[in-house]
Structure formats: structure tokens, C-alpha cells
């Protein structure tokens, strides 16, 4: 399982999983795009390169999610998937996606939040959890 959505009263909550820290961040992109696209397939025909910094893993995760939302809101770029490389609290990613105007009826996410957020090592690899304000 790459990710799953969890019950939340007002917002979107998900957990992403990966064998590596890089993979858990990559799978988080899949969860975000599934919500935004309402499960529609997004073509990965364009690429954006992003570099994100954090003070710890939670802030790195928050800043990465925030960057995905920025790309959609400011650059009209909807992500389909990502290739992530993390070193310390520095993240470099190539994000593949498409022009959001090619897709009808997309959902909107206002912001990432720190509420209930975590990034942690588990028995089978890594787990990240986030709540997104909708």
C-alpha cells in the first residue's frame, strides 16, 4: 500500500508509506493528486524541479506539500508523480505533471497543516501523515 486516506471531520487526512524516506514523500504526491483530481489520471507530460529545505523531517514534509500546492495555485501545474532525493533536511525533486487547465472539476486544497503531522521510521520502512485544509 502506497497511501491511505483516514477519517477526519473537516479536512483531508492521509498516511503515506515507503520503504525509503524518498519513497514516502513520492507516495505523498500520489495521495495529494488523487484528492485534487478526484481519482482521475493526470498525465505526466511536463516536469518541474523543486528544492525544499526543512529544519526537521516534519517541516521538510510540510514545505514539500506546500510546494505542490504552490505549483497548482501559482503555476497552474498539477502533479502526477515525483522522483524525490532527500539528504539530511534538503529535498530535491523532479515533479511530473500537466497543465491543470487540461482537467475539469479539480478539487482545491487551501494549505498543508502541522496538525497530526508526522514522518517516522516504522518496521516496514517509513510513514508520513498529513492533514490538508480544504
Protein backbone atom coordinates (compact mmCIF):
# COMPACT_ATOMS: atom_id res chain seq x y z
CA UNK A 1 0.00 0.00 0.00
CA UNK A 2 1.42 3.39 -1.02
CA UNK A 3 -1.04 5.56 0.94
CA UNK A 4 -4.46 5.60 2.55
CA UNK A 5 -6.97 8.26 3.49
CA UNK A 6 -8.08 8.43 7.12
CA UNK A 7 -11.25 9.77 8.71
CA UNK A 8 -11.24 13.45 9.56
CA UNK A 9 -14.17 15.69 10.45
CA UNK A 10 -13.46 18.63 8.16
CA UNK A 11 -10.21 18.18 6.26
CA UNK A 12 -8.28 15.58 4.27
CA UNK A 13 -6.04 13.28 6.28
CA UNK A 14 -3.73 10.68 4.78
CA UNK A 15 -0.85 8.40 5.59
CA UNK A 16 1.78 7.55 3.01
CA UNK A 17 4.21 4.65 3.21
CA UNK A 18 7.52 3.79 1.62
CA UNK A 19 10.48 1.51 2.01
CA UNK A 20 12.68 4.61 1.96
CA UNK A 21 12.22 8.19 3.09
CA UNK A 22 12.34 9.28 -0.57
CA UNK A 23 9.57 6.84 -1.45
CA UNK A 24 7.25 8.00 1.33
CA UNK A 25 7.49 11.57 0.01
CA UNK A 26 6.87 10.32 -3.55
CA UNK A 27 3.80 8.40 -2.41
CA UNK A 28 2.52 11.50 -0.62
CA UNK A 29 2.33 13.20 -4.02
CA UNK A 30 0.08 10.36 -5.21
CA UNK A 31 -2.28 10.88 -2.27
CA UNK A 32 -2.47 14.64 -2.84
CA UNK A 33 -3.12 14.28 -6.56
CA UNK A 34 -5.78 11.61 -6.01
CA UNK A 35 -7.74 14.02 -3.86
CA UNK A 36 -7.27 17.03 -6.16
CA UNK A 37 -8.08 15.10 -9.34
CA UNK A 38 -10.95 13.17 -7.74
CA UNK A 39 -9.23 9.97 -8.80
CA UNK A 40 -8.77 10.94 -12.44
CA UNK A 41 -5.49 10.03 -14.13
CA UNK A 42 -3.15 13.02 -14.54
CA UNK A 43 -0.70 12.82 -17.44
CA UNK A 44 2.98 13.23 -16.61
CA UNK A 45 3.98 15.22 -19.69
CA UNK A 46 5.77 18.21 -18.12
CA UNK A 47 8.36 18.39 -15.37
CA UNK A 48 9.25 20.89 -12.67
CA UNK A 49 12.32 20.77 -10.47
CA UNK A 50 11.94 21.89 -6.87
CA UNK A 51 14.33 22.22 -3.97
CA UNK A 52 12.88 22.36 -0.48
CA UNK A 53 14.55 22.87 2.89
CA UNK A 54 13.38 21.99 6.37
CA UNK A 55 14.59 22.18 9.96
CA UNK A 56 13.46 18.60 10.64
CA UNK A 57 11.51 15.91 8.77
CA UNK A 58 8.11 17.36 9.67
CA UNK A 59 8.99 20.83 8.40
CA UNK A 60 10.55 19.30 5.28
CA UNK A 61 7.33 17.33 4.65
CA UNK A 62 5.16 20.40 5.29
CA UNK A 63 7.28 22.56 2.96
CA UNK A 64 7.17 19.88 0.25
CA UNK A 65 3.37 19.63 0.42
CA UNK A 66 3.18 23.42 0.39
CA UNK A 67 5.32 23.48 -2.76
CA UNK A 68 2.93 21.06 -4.50
CA UNK A 69 0.04 23.38 -3.67
CA UNK A 70 2.02 26.42 -4.81
CA UNK A 71 2.69 24.78 -8.20
CA UNK A 72 -1.03 24.24 -8.65
CA UNK A 73 -2.19 27.63 -7.42
CA UNK A 74 0.53 29.87 -8.85
CA UNK A 75 1.76 27.98 -11.90
CA UNK A 76 -1.37 26.01 -12.85
CA UNK A 77 0.71 22.81 -12.72
CA UNK A 78 -0.94 19.66 -11.37
CA UNK A 79 1.42 16.96 -10.18
CA UNK A 80 1.07 13.35 -11.26
CA UNK A 81 4.14 11.84 -9.59
CA UNK A 82 7.57 12.77 -8.30
CA UNK A 83 11.11 11.49 -8.02
CA UNK A 84 12.49 12.65 -4.69
CA UNK A 85 16.02 12.72 -3.28
CA UNK A 86 16.44 13.69 0.37
CA UNK A 87 19.77 14.42 2.01
CA UNK A 88 19.51 15.49 5.61
CA UNK A 89 16.73 18.08 5.63
CA UNK A 90 17.24 19.08 2.00
CA UNK A 91 14.90 17.75 -0.67
CA UNK A 92 15.43 17.82 -4.41
CA UNK A 93 12.56 16.59 -6.57
CA UNK A 94 11.56 16.32 -10.17
CA UNK A 95 7.80 16.58 -10.27
CA UNK A 96 5.98 15.31 -13.33
CA UNK A 97 2.51 16.51 -14.24
CA UNK A 98 0.47 18.61 -16.60
CA UNK A 99 -1.29 21.93 -17.08
CA UNK A 100 -4.22 21.93 -14.65
CA UNK A 101 -6.46 23.62 -17.22
CA UNK A 102 -6.50 20.31 -19.14
CA UNK A 103 -8.62 18.79 -16.34
CA UNK A 104 -12.15 19.70 -15.36
CA UNK A 105 -13.64 19.73 -11.87
CA UNK A 106 -10.48 19.64 -9.77
CA UNK A 107 -10.80 19.88 -6.00
CA UNK A 108 -8.97 22.57 -4.08
CA UNK A 109 -6.66 22.30 -1.09
CA UNK A 110 -6.12 25.54 0.82
CA UNK A 111 -2.98 24.55 2.68
CA UNK A 112 -0.95 21.88 4.39
CA UNK A 113 -1.11 21.94 8.18
CA UNK A 114 1.09 20.72 11.00
CA UNK A 115 -1.95 19.18 12.72
CA UNK A 116 -1.33 15.48 13.40
CA UNK A 117 1.67 15.56 11.04
CA UNK A 118 4.49 13.10 11.42
CA UNK A 119 7.26 11.48 9.44
CA UNK A 120 8.68 8.45 11.15
CA UNK A 121 10.56 5.21 10.68
CA UNK A 122 8.37 2.12 11.08
CA UNK A 123 9.06 -1.62 10.93
CA UNK A 124 8.50 -1.84 7.16
CA UNK A 125 10.19 1.44 6.21
CA UNK A 126 8.72 4.91 6.59
CA UNK A 127 5.35 6.52 7.28
CA UNK A 128 4.22 10.10 6.82
CA UNK A 129 0.89 11.57 7.89
CA UNK A 130 -0.64 14.90 6.98
CA UNK A 131 -3.86 16.85 7.33
CA UNK A 132 -4.68 19.18 4.44
CA UNK A 133 -7.00 22.14 4.93
CA UNK A 134 -9.77 22.08 2.36
